[in-house]
Amino acid sequence: MRPRRLVRYLAPMALVGFAVVVVAVVGGSSSGKRHVTPPAATVGAHHHRSHHRFYRVRRGDTLSRIALRTGIGVAAIETLNPRLDPHALRPGQRVKLRR
């Protein structure tokens, strides 16, 4: 009866050990590493420098989304638009992108 008692305790411990290893392997693939999109993939997708002077705010836009679409940094947009409240953007509102 001794081997049966031993298996009774080892089986759950092995299951927990296996779960820990799986979590470490799956979680370890993203721990501390950031996914970097290659530059070629971002060139065609909204990441070009805007040549427009103004941007018309769309529904659901945020300042960071506008910055991504136009290629102009959030700080630059805030500097060009000192009266702009980034928390109260309205559809149709014009945001200055360059001088």
PDB file of N, CA and C in Angstrom:
ATOM      1  N   MET A   1       0.807  -1.196   0.000  1.00  0.00           N
ATOM      2  CA  MET A   1       0.000   0.000   0.000  1.00  0.00           C
ATOM      3  C   MET A   1       0.852   1.262   0.000  1.00  0.00           C
ATOM      4  N   ARG A   2       2.041   1.145   0.295  1.00  0.00           N
ATOM      5  CA  ARG A   2       2.921   2.290   0.347  1.00  0.00           C
ATOM      6  C   ARG A   2       3.064   2.977  -1.017  1.00  0.00           C
ATOM      7  N   PRO A   3       3.269   2.265  -2.137  1.00  0.00           N
ATOM      8  CA  PRO A   3       3.388   2.939  -3.429  1.00  0.00           C
ATOM      9  C   PRO A   3       2.121   3.718  -3.792  1.00  0.00           C
ATOM     10  N   ARG A   4       0.972   3.217  -3.402  1.00  0.00           N
ATOM     11  CA  ARG A   4      -0.279   3.912  -3.729  1.00  0.00           C
ATOM     12  C   ARG A   4      -0.356   5.250  -3.001  1.00  0.00           C
ATOM     13  N   ARG A   5       0.070   5.284  -1.743  1.00  0.00           N
ATOM     14  CA  ARG A   5       0.071   6.537  -0.981  1.00  0.00           C
ATOM     15  C   ARG A   5       1.027   7.550  -1.621  1.00  0.00           C
ATOM     16  N   LEU A   6       2.158   7.071  -2.060  1.00  0.00           N
ATOM     17  CA  LEU A   6       3.153   7.935  -2.670  1.00  0.00           C
ATOM     18  C   LEU A   6       2.606   8.566  -3.957  1.00  0.00           C
ATOM     19  N   VAL A   7       1.951   7.774  -4.796  1.00  0.00           N
ATOM     20  CA  VAL A   7       1.353   8.277  -6.038  1.00  0.00           C
ATOM     21  C   VAL A   7       0.251   9.274  -5.730  1.00  0.00           C
ATOM     22  N   ARG A   8      -0.455   9.040  -4.653  1.00  0.00           N
ATOM     23  CA  ARG A   8      -1.552   9.920  -4.261  1.00  0.00           C
ATOM     24  C   ARG A   8      -1.045  11.350  -4.023  1.00  0.00           C
ATOM     25  N   TYR A   9       0.166  11.498  -3.539  1.00  0.00           N
ATOM     26  CA  TYR A   9       0.722  12.813  -3.272  1.00  0.00           C
ATOM     27  C   TYR A   9       1.568  13.349  -4.432  1.00  0.00           C
ATOM     28  N   LEU A  10       2.208  12.463  -5.141  1.00  0.00           N
ATOM     29  CA  LEU A  10       3.070  12.902  -6.235  1.00  0.00           C
ATOM     30  C   LEU A  10       2.286  13.363  -7.458  1.00  0.00           C
ATOM     31  N   ALA A  11       1.174  12.737  -7.749  1.00  0.00           N
ATOM     32  CA  ALA A  11       0.395  13.104  -8.937  1.00  0.00           C
ATOM     33  C   ALA A  11      -0.080  14.563  -8.887  1.00  0.00           C
ATOM     34  N   PRO A  12      -0.696  15.024  -7.796  1.00  0.00           N
ATOM     35  CA  PRO A  12      -1.096  16.442  -7.751  1.00  0.00           C
ATOM     36  C   PRO A  12       0.104  17.390  -7.794  1.00  0.00           C
ATOM     37  N   MET A  13       1.220  16.983  -7.168  1.00  0.00           N
ATOM     38  CA  MET A  13       2.408  17.825  -7.191  1.00  0.00           C
ATOM     39  C   MET A  13       2.964  17.924  -8.612  1.00  0.00           C
ATOM     40  N   ALA A  14       2.918  16.829  -9.345  1.00  0.00           N
ATOM     41  CA  ALA A  14       3.384  16.847 -10.730  1.00  0.00           C
ATOM     42  C   ALA A  14       2.480  17.729 -11.583  1.00  0.00           C
ATOM     43  N   LEU A  15       1.173  17.683 -11.328  1.00  0.00           N
ATOM     44  CA  LEU A  15       0.226  18.515 -12.078  1.00  0.00           C
ATOM     45  C   LEU A  15       0.489  20.000 -11.815  1.00  0.00           C
ATOM     46  N   VAL A  16       0.719  20.342 -10.563  1.00  0.00           N
ATOM     47  CA  VAL A  16       1.012  21.738 -10.221  1.00  0.00           C
ATOM     48  C   VAL A  16       2.342  22.152 -10.854  1.00  0.00           C
ATOM     49  N   GLY A  17       3.323  21.287 -10.806  1.00  0.00           N
ATOM     50  CA  GLY A  17       4.617  21.581 -11.419  1.00  0.00           C
ATOM     51  C   GLY A  17       4.496  21.812 -12.916  1.00  0.00           C
ATOM     52  N   PHE A  18       3.701  20.983 -13.574  1.00  0.00           N
ATOM     53  CA  PHE A  18       3.471  21.129 -15.004  1.00  0.00           C
ATOM     54  C   PHE A  18       2.791  22.476 -15.299  1.00  0.00           C
ATOM     55  N   ALA A  19       1.803  22.840 -14.492  1.00  0.00           N
ATOM     56  CA  ALA A  19       1.103  24.111 -14.690  1.00  0.00           C
ATOM     57  C   ALA A  19       2.069  25.289 -14.528  1.00  0.00           C
ATOM     58  N   VAL A  20       2.962  25.195 -13.548  1.00  0.00           N
ATOM     59  CA  VAL A  20       3.933  26.267 -13.316  1.00  0.00           C
ATOM     60  C   VAL A  20       4.869  26.401 -14.523  1.00  0.00           C
ATOM     61  N   VAL A  21       5.300  25.278 -15.067  1.00  0.00           N
ATOM     62  CA  VAL A  21       6.189  25.307 -16.226  1.00  0.00           C
ATOM     63  C   VAL A  21       5.478  25.908 -17.433  1.00  0.00           C
ATOM     64  N   VAL A  22       4.231  25.531 -17.659  1.00  0.00           N
ATOM     65  CA  VAL A  22       3.473  26.070 -18.792  1.00  0.00           C
ATOM     66  C   VAL A  22       3.307  27.577 -18.648  1.00  0.00           C
ATOM     67  N   VAL A  23       2.948  28.025 -17.457  1.00  0.00           N
ATOM     68  CA  VAL A  23       2.777  29.461 -17.234  1.00  0.00           C
ATOM     69  C   VAL A  23       4.108  30.187 -17.428  1.00  0.00           C
ATOM     70  N   ALA A  24       5.198  29.603 -16.970  1.00  0.00           N
ATOM     71  CA  ALA A  24       6.507  30.239 -17.121  1.00  0.00           C
ATOM     72  C   ALA A  24       6.914  30.334 -18.589  1.00  0.00           C
ATOM     73  N   VAL A  25       6.628  29.296 -19.358  1.00  0.00           N
ATOM     74  CA  VAL A  25       7.000  29.299 -20.775  1.00  0.00           C
ATOM     75  C   VAL A  25       6.131  30.280 -21.550  1.00  0.00           C
ATOM     76  N   VAL A  26       4.831  30.223 -21.347  1.00  0.00           N
ATOM     77  CA  VAL A  26       3.919  31.108 -22.076  1.00  0.00           C
ATOM     78  C   VAL A  26       4.097  32.549 -21.614  1.00  0.00           C
ATOM     79  N   GLY A  27       4.148  32.773 -20.330  1.00  0.00           N
ATOM     80  CA  GLY A  27       4.316  34.125 -19.798  1.00  0.00           C
ATOM     81  C   GLY A  27       5.707  34.656 -20.022  1.00  0.00           C
ATOM     82  N   GLY A  28       6.703  33.792 -20.069  1.00  0.00           N
ATOM     83  CA  GLY A  28       8.083  34.216 -20.251  1.00  0.00           C
ATOM     84  C   GLY A  28       8.357  34.762 -21.624  1.00  0.00           C
ATOM     85  N   SER A  29       7.530  34.393 -22.594  1.00  0.00           N
ATOM     86  CA  SER A  29       7.763  34.885 -23.947  1.00  0.00           C
ATOM     87  C   SER A  29       7.478  36.373 -24.062  1.00  0.00           C
ATOM     88  N   SER A  30       6.700  36.931 -23.119  1.00  0.00           N
ATOM     89  CA  SER A  30       6.407  38.359 -23.193  1.00  0.00           C
ATOM     90  C   SER A  30       6.927  39.117 -21.981  1.00  0.00           C
ATOM     91  N   SER A  31       7.595  38.456 -21.067  1.00  0.00           N
ATOM     92  CA  SER A  31       8.055  39.155 -19.873  1.00  0.00           C
ATOM     93  C   SER A  31       9.289  39.995 -20.188  1.00  0.00           C
ATOM     94  N   GLY A  32       9.140  41.296 -20.012  1.00  0.00           N
ATOM     95  CA  GLY A  32      10.259  42.194 -20.218  1.00  0.00           C
ATOM     96  C   GLY A  32      10.565  42.506 -21.664  1.00  0.00           C
ATOM     97  N   LYS A  33       9.939  41.842 -22.591  1.00  0.00           N
ATOM     98  CA  LYS A  33      10.203  42.093 -24.005  1.00  0.00           C
ATOM     99  C   LYS A  33       9.009  42.810 -24.607  1.00  0.00           C
ATOM    100  N   ARG A  34       9.272  43.816 -25.406  1.00  0.00           N
ATOM    101  CA  ARG A  34       8.201  44.532 -26.085  1.00  0.00           C
ATOM    102  C   ARG A  34       8.172  44.106 -27.527  1.00  0.00           C
ATOM    103  N   HIS A  35       6.986  43.985 -28.047  1.00  0.00           N
ATOM    104  CA  HIS A  35       6.837  43.662 -29.461  1.00  0.00           C
ATOM    105  C   HIS A  35       7.109  44.924 -30.262  1.00  0.00           C
ATOM    106  N   VAL A  36       8.034  44.844 -31.164  1.00  0.00           N
ATOM    107  CA  VAL A  36       8.394  45.991 -31.990  1.00  0.00           C
ATOM    108  C   VAL A  36       7.959  45.706 -33.417  1.00  0.00           C
ATOM    109  N   THR A  37       7.099  46.584 -33.943  1.00  0.00           N
ATOM    110  CA  THR A  37       6.653  46.426 -35.317  1.00  0.00           C
ATOM    111  C   THR A  37       7.758  46.892 -36.245  1.00  0.00           C
ATOM    112  N   PRO A  38       8.106  46.099 -37.237  1.00  0.00           N
ATOM    113  CA  PRO A  38       9.156  46.517 -38.155  1.00  0.00           C
ATOM    114  C   PRO A  38       8.760  47.783 -38.903  1.00  0.00           C
ATOM    115  N   PRO A  39       9.706  48.649 -39.183  1.00  0.00           N
ATOM    116  CA  PRO A  39       9.397  49.915 -39.844  1.00  0.00           C
ATOM    117  C   PRO A  39       8.661  49.753 -41.167  1.00  0.00           C
ATOM    118  N   ALA A  40       8.952  48.728 -41.929  1.00  0.00           N
ATOM    119  CA  ALA A  40       8.300  48.541 -43.220  1.00  0.00           C
ATOM    120  C   ALA A  40       6.801  48.342 -43.065  1.00  0.00           C
ATOM    121  N   ALA A  41       6.378  47.741 -41.961  1.00  0.00           N
ATOM    122  CA  ALA A  41       4.958  47.485 -41.753  1.00  0.00           C
ATOM    123  C   ALA A  41       4.210  48.749 -41.361  1.00  0.00           C
ATOM    124  N   THR A  42       4.898  49.729 -40.806  1.00  0.00           N
ATOM    125  CA  THR A  42       4.212  50.928 -40.346  1.00  0.00           C
ATOM    126  C   THR A  42       4.208  52.041 -41.375  1.00  0.00           C
ATOM    127  N   VAL A  43       4.995  51.952 -42.412  1.00  0.00           N
ATOM    128  CA  VAL A  43       5.105  53.038 -43.382  1.00  0.00           C
ATOM    129  C   VAL A  43       3.784  53.291 -44.089  1.00  0.00           C
ATOM    130  N   GLY A  44       3.103  52.246 -44.502  1.00  0.00           N
ATOM    131  CA  GLY A  44       1.863  52.422 -45.248  1.00  0.00           C
ATOM    132  C   GLY A  44       0.654  52.694 -44.393  1.00  0.00           C
ATOM    133  N   ALA A  45       0.763  52.517 -43.094  1.00  0.00           N
ATOM    134  CA  ALA A  45      -0.406  52.608 -42.238  1.00  0.00           C
ATOM    135  C   ALA A  45      -0.381  53.853 -41.369  1.00  0.00           C
ATOM    136  N   HIS A  46      -0.950  54.935 -41.778  1.00  0.00           N
ATOM    137  CA  HIS A  46      -1.183  56.150 -40.996  1.00  0.00           C
ATOM    138  C   HIS A  46       0.047  56.715 -40.296  1.00  0.00           C
ATOM    139  N   HIS A  47       1.239  56.213 -40.532  1.00  0.00           N
ATOM    140  CA  HIS A  47       2.392  56.692 -39.809  1.00  0.00           C
ATOM    141  C   HIS A  47       3.247  57.613 -40.666  1.00  0.00           C
ATOM    142  N   HIS A  48       2.627  58.377 -41.505  1.00  0.00           N
ATOM    143  CA  HIS A  48       3.373  59.316 -42.319  1.00  0.00           C
ATOM    144  C   HIS A  48       3.214  60.709 -41.735  1.00  0.00           C
ATOM    145  N   ARG A  49       4.167  61.523 -41.951  1.00  0.00           N
ATOM    146  CA  ARG A  49       4.120  62.896 -41.468  1.00  0.00           C
ATOM    147  C   ARG A  49       3.050  63.647 -42.249  1.00  0.00           C
ATOM    148  N   SER A  50       2.148  64.259 -41.553  1.00  0.00           N
ATOM    149  CA  SER A  50       1.053  64.959 -42.208  1.00  0.00           C
ATOM    150  C   SER A  50       1.542  66.260 -42.829  1.00  0.00           C
ATOM    151  N   HIS A  51       1.102  66.516 -44.046  1.00  0.00           N
ATOM    152  CA  HIS A  51       1.439  67.768 -44.716  1.00  0.00           C
ATOM    153  C   HIS A  51       0.279  68.752 -44.618  1.00  0.00           C
ATOM    154  N   HIS A  52      -0.775  68.328 -43.936  1.00  0.00           N
ATOM    155  CA  HIS A  52      -1.933  69.201 -43.757  1.00  0.00           C
ATOM    156  C   HIS A  52      -1.676  70.150 -42.598  1.00  0.00           C
ATOM    157  N   ARG A  53      -2.325  71.281 -42.670  1.00  0.00           N
ATOM    158  CA  ARG A  53      -2.146  72.271 -41.611  1.00  0.00           C
ATOM    159  C   ARG A  53      -3.085  72.016 -40.440  1.00  0.00           C
ATOM    160  N   PHE A  54      -4.258  71.443 -40.722  1.00  0.00           N
ATOM    161  CA  PHE A  54      -5.237  71.163 -39.671  1.00  0.00           C
ATOM    162  C   PHE A  54      -5.708  69.717 -39.776  1.00  0.00           C
ATOM    163  N   TYR A  55      -6.219  69.218 -38.664  1.00  0.00           N
ATOM    164  CA  TYR A  55      -6.831  67.890 -38.618  1.00  0.00           C
ATOM    165  C   TYR A  55      -8.246  68.075 -38.097  1.00  0.00           C
ATOM    166  N   ARG A  56      -9.202  67.462 -38.755  1.00  0.00           N
ATOM    167  CA  ARG A  56     -10.591  67.535 -38.318  1.00  0.00           C
ATOM    168  C   ARG A  56     -10.864  66.321 -37.422  1.00  0.00           C
ATOM    169  N   VAL A  57     -11.239  66.575 -36.164  1.00  0.00           N
ATOM    170  CA  VAL A  57     -11.457  65.517 -35.176  1.00  0.00           C
ATOM    171  C   VAL A  57     -12.623  64.635 -35.601  1.00  0.00           C
ATOM    172  N   ARG A  58     -12.409  63.340 -35.510  1.00  0.00           N
ATOM    173  CA  ARG A  58     -13.456  62.357 -35.811  1.00  0.00           C
ATOM    174  C   ARG A  58     -14.021  61.803 -34.506  1.00  0.00           C
ATOM    175  N   ARG A  59     -15.164  61.194 -34.588  1.00  0.00           N
ATOM    176  CA  ARG A  59     -15.801  60.584 -33.413  1.00  0.00           C
ATOM    177  C   ARG A  59     -14.871  59.513 -32.829  1.00  0.00           C
ATOM    178  N   GLY A  60     -14.616  59.589 -31.533  1.00  0.00           N
ATOM    179  CA  GLY A  60     -13.774  58.617 -30.861  1.00  0.00           C
ATOM    180  C   GLY A  60     -12.303  58.947 -30.866  1.00  0.00           C
ATOM    181  N   ASP A  61     -11.913  60.053 -31.500  1.00  0.00           N
ATOM    182  CA  ASP A  61     -10.501  60.434 -31.551  1.00  0.00           C
ATOM    183  C   ASP A  61     -10.001  60.867 -30.176  1.00  0.00           C
ATOM    184  N   THR A  62      -8.753  60.563 -29.929  1.00  0.00           N
ATOM    185  CA  THR A  62      -8.027  61.066 -28.772  1.00  0.00           C
ATOM    186  C   THR A  62      -6.792  61.778 -29.305  1.00  0.00           C
ATOM    187  N   LEU A  63      -6.142  62.518 -28.437  1.00  0.00           N
ATOM    188  CA  LEU A  63      -4.948  63.240 -28.872  1.00  0.00           C
ATOM    189  C   LEU A  63      -3.867  62.266 -29.321  1.00  0.00           C
ATOM    190  N   SER A  64      -3.737  61.156 -28.617  1.00  0.00           N
ATOM    191  CA  SER A  64      -2.715  60.183 -29.012  1.00  0.00           C
ATOM    192  C   SER A  64      -3.066  59.507 -30.332  1.00  0.00           C
ATOM    193  N   ARG A  65      -4.344  59.278 -30.590  1.00  0.00           N
ATOM    194  CA  ARG A  65      -4.750  58.683 -31.867  1.00  0.00           C
ATOM    195  C   ARG A  65      -4.496  59.655 -33.010  1.00  0.00           C
ATOM    196  N   ILE A  66      -4.762  60.925 -32.772  1.00  0.00           N
ATOM    197  CA  ILE A  66      -4.483  61.946 -33.792  1.00  0.00           C
ATOM    198  C   ILE A  66      -2.975  61.990 -34.067  1.00  0.00           C
ATOM    199  N   ALA A  67      -2.171  61.907 -33.008  1.00  0.00           N
ATOM    200  CA  ALA A  67      -0.716  61.914 -33.170  1.00  0.00           C
ATOM    201  C   ALA A  67      -0.260  60.722 -33.996  1.00  0.00           C
ATOM    202  N   LEU A  68      -0.832  59.557 -33.759  1.00  0.00           N
ATOM    203  CA  LEU A  68      -0.470  58.373 -34.536  1.00  0.00           C
ATOM    204  C   LEU A  68      -0.881  58.511 -35.996  1.00  0.00           C
ATOM    205  N   ARG A  69      -2.065  59.045 -36.229  1.00  0.00           N
ATOM    206  CA  ARG A  69      -2.557  59.178 -37.602  1.00  0.00           C
ATOM    207  C   ARG A  69      -1.748  60.181 -38.407  1.00  0.00           C
ATOM    208  N   THR A  70      -1.318  61.247 -37.750  1.00  0.00           N
ATOM    209  CA  THR A  70      -0.662  62.322 -38.478  1.00  0.00           C
ATOM    210  C   THR A  70       0.852  62.248 -38.429  1.00  0.00           C
ATOM    211  N   GLY A  71       1.396  61.480 -37.488  1.00  0.00           N
ATOM    212  CA  GLY A  71       2.838  61.380 -37.356  1.00  0.00           C
ATOM    213  C   GLY A  71       3.440  62.548 -36.609  1.00  0.00           C
ATOM    214  N   ILE A  72       2.618  63.334 -35.953  1.00  0.00           N
ATOM    215  CA  ILE A  72       3.075  64.484 -35.186  1.00  0.00           C
ATOM    216  C   ILE A  72       2.887  64.146 -33.709  1.00  0.00           C
ATOM    217  N   GLY A  73       3.884  64.418 -32.893  1.00  0.00           N
ATOM    218  CA  GLY A  73       3.840  64.064 -31.478  1.00  0.00           C
ATOM    219  C   GLY A  73       2.749  64.798 -30.709  1.00  0.00           C
ATOM    220  N   VAL A  74       2.311  64.170 -29.624  1.00  0.00           N
ATOM    221  CA  VAL A  74       1.276  64.750 -28.771  1.00  0.00           C
ATOM    222  C   VAL A  74       1.752  66.089 -28.214  1.00  0.00           C
ATOM    223  N   ALA A  75       2.995  66.161 -27.777  1.00  0.00           N
ATOM    224  CA  ALA A  75       3.516  67.409 -27.213  1.00  0.00           C
ATOM    225  C   ALA A  75       3.502  68.535 -28.246  1.00  0.00           C
ATOM    226  N   ALA A  76       3.834  68.216 -29.497  1.00  0.00           N
ATOM    227  CA  ALA A  76       3.819  69.230 -30.553  1.00  0.00           C
ATOM    228  C   ALA A  76       2.395  69.719 -30.814  1.00  0.00           C
ATOM    229  N   ILE A  77       1.438  68.809 -30.807  1.00  0.00           N
ATOM    230  CA  ILE A  77       0.036  69.199 -31.021  1.00  0.00           C
ATOM    231  C   ILE A  77      -0.431  70.080 -29.866  1.00  0.00           C
ATOM    232  N   GLU A  78      -0.062  69.719 -28.644  1.00  0.00           N
ATOM    233  CA  GLU A  78      -0.455  70.531 -27.484  1.00  0.00           C
ATOM    234  C   GLU A  78       0.190  71.916 -27.530  1.00  0.00           C
ATOM    235  N   THR A  79       1.436  72.001 -28.006  1.00  0.00           N
ATOM    236  CA  THR A  79       2.126  73.288 -28.116  1.00  0.00           C
ATOM    237  C   THR A  79       1.456  74.172 -29.161  1.00  0.00           C
ATOM    238  N   LEU A  80       1.054  73.571 -30.281  1.00  0.00           N
ATOM    239  CA  LEU A  80       0.406  74.342 -31.349  1.00  0.00           C
ATOM    240  C   LEU A  80      -1.028  74.732 -31.008  1.00  0.00           C
ATOM    241  N   ASN A  81      -1.641  74.026 -30.071  1.00  0.00           N
ATOM    242  CA  ASN A  81      -3.032  74.268 -29.692  1.00  0.00           C
ATOM    243  C   ASN A  81      -3.126  74.482 -28.179  1.00  0.00           C
ATOM    244  N   PRO A  82      -2.672  75.651 -27.680  1.00  0.00           N
ATOM    245  CA  PRO A  82      -2.629  75.859 -26.230  1.00  0.00           C
ATOM    246  C   PRO A  82      -4.004  75.848 -25.557  1.00  0.00           C
ATOM    247  N   ARG A  83      -5.044  76.178 -26.273  1.00  0.00           N
ATOM    248  CA  ARG A  83      -6.395  76.203 -25.685  1.00  0.00           C
ATOM    249  C   ARG A  83      -7.125  74.875 -25.824  1.00  0.00           C
ATOM    250  N   LEU A  84      -6.496  73.921 -26.437  1.00  0.00           N
ATOM    251  CA  LEU A  84      -7.119  72.618 -26.686  1.00  0.00           C
ATOM    252  C   LEU A  84      -7.204  71.810 -25.402  1.00  0.00           C
ATOM    253  N   ASP A  85      -8.410  71.351 -25.070  1.00  0.00           N
ATOM    254  CA  ASP A  85      -8.595  70.461 -23.926  1.00  0.00           C
ATOM    255  C   ASP A  85      -8.595  69.031 -24.459  1.00  0.00           C
ATOM    256  N   PRO A  86      -7.527  68.260 -24.210  1.00  0.00           N
ATOM    257  CA  PRO A  86      -7.433  66.919 -24.786  1.00  0.00           C
ATOM    258  C   PRO A  86      -8.507  65.960 -24.283  1.00  0.00           C
ATOM    259  N   HIS A  87      -9.161  66.307 -23.187  1.00  0.00           N
ATOM    260  CA  HIS A  87     -10.208  65.438 -22.637  1.00  0.00           C
ATOM    261  C   HIS A  87     -11.598  65.805 -23.143  1.00  0.00           C
ATOM    262  N   ALA A  88     -11.683  66.861 -23.947  1.00  0.00           N
ATOM    263  CA  ALA A  88     -12.985  67.306 -24.434  1.00  0.00           C
ATOM    264  C   ALA A  88     -12.957  67.533 -25.941  1.00  0.00           C
ATOM    265  N   LEU A  89     -12.390  66.610 -26.693  1.00  0.00           N
ATOM    266  CA  LEU A  89     -12.372  66.730 -28.149  1.00  0.00           C
ATOM    267  C   LEU A  89     -13.759  66.446 -28.697  1.00  0.00           C
ATOM    268  N   ARG A  90     -14.179  67.257 -29.652  1.00  0.00           N
ATOM    269  CA  ARG A  90     -15.509  67.097 -30.260  1.00  0.00           C
ATOM    270  C   ARG A  90     -15.363  66.794 -31.742  1.00  0.00           C
ATOM    271  N   PRO A  91     -16.189  65.916 -32.279  1.00  0.00           N
ATOM    272  CA  PRO A  91     -16.148  65.660 -33.724  1.00  0.00           C
ATOM    273  C   PRO A  91     -16.356  66.954 -34.498  1.00  0.00           C
ATOM    274  N   GLY A  92     -15.543  67.164 -35.518  1.00  0.00           N
ATOM    275  CA  GLY A  92     -15.630  68.369 -36.329  1.00  0.00           C
ATOM    276  C   GLY A  92     -14.686  69.461 -35.877  1.00  0.00           C
ATOM    277  N   GLN A  93     -14.152  69.350 -34.681  1.00  0.00           N
ATOM    278  CA  GLN A  93     -13.220  70.340 -34.152  1.00  0.00           C
ATOM    279  C   GLN A  93     -11.921  70.314 -34.968  1.00  0.00           C
ATOM    280  N   ARG A  94     -11.346  71.494 -35.207  1.00  0.00           N
ATOM    281  CA  ARG A  94     -10.088  71.574 -35.955  1.00  0.00           C
ATOM    282  C   ARG A  94      -8.921  71.635 -34.992  1.00  0.00           C
ATOM    283  N   VAL A  95      -7.907  70.824 -35.282  1.00  0.00           N
ATOM    284  CA  VAL A  95      -6.690  70.794 -34.489  1.00  0.00           C
ATOM    285  C   VAL A  95      -5.538  71.215 -35.392  1.00  0.00           C
ATOM    286  N   LYS A  96      -4.794  72.216 -34.968  1.00  0.00           N
ATOM    287  CA  LYS A  96      -3.678  72.717 -35.749  1.00  0.00           C
ATOM    288  C   LYS A  96      -2.508  71.735 -35.685  1.00  0.00           C
ATOM    289  N   LEU A  97      -1.925  71.410 -36.845  1.00  0.00           N
ATOM    290  CA  LEU A  97      -0.834  70.453 -36.911  1.00  0.00           C
ATOM    291  C   LEU A  97       0.518  71.086 -37.178  1.00  0.00           C
ATOM    292  N   ARG A  98       0.525  72.241 -37.793  1.00  0.00           N
ATOM    293  CA  ARG A  98       1.783  72.937 -38.057  1.00  0.00           C
ATOM    294  C   ARG A  98       1.497  74.428 -38.192  1.00  0.00           C
ATOM    295  N   ARG A  99       2.551  75.214 -38.110  1.00  0.00           N
ATOM    296  CA  ARG A  99       2.406  76.685 -38.151  1.00  0.00           C
ATOM    297  C   ARG A  99       2.075  77.164 -39.519  1.00  0.00           C
TER     298      ARG A  99
END
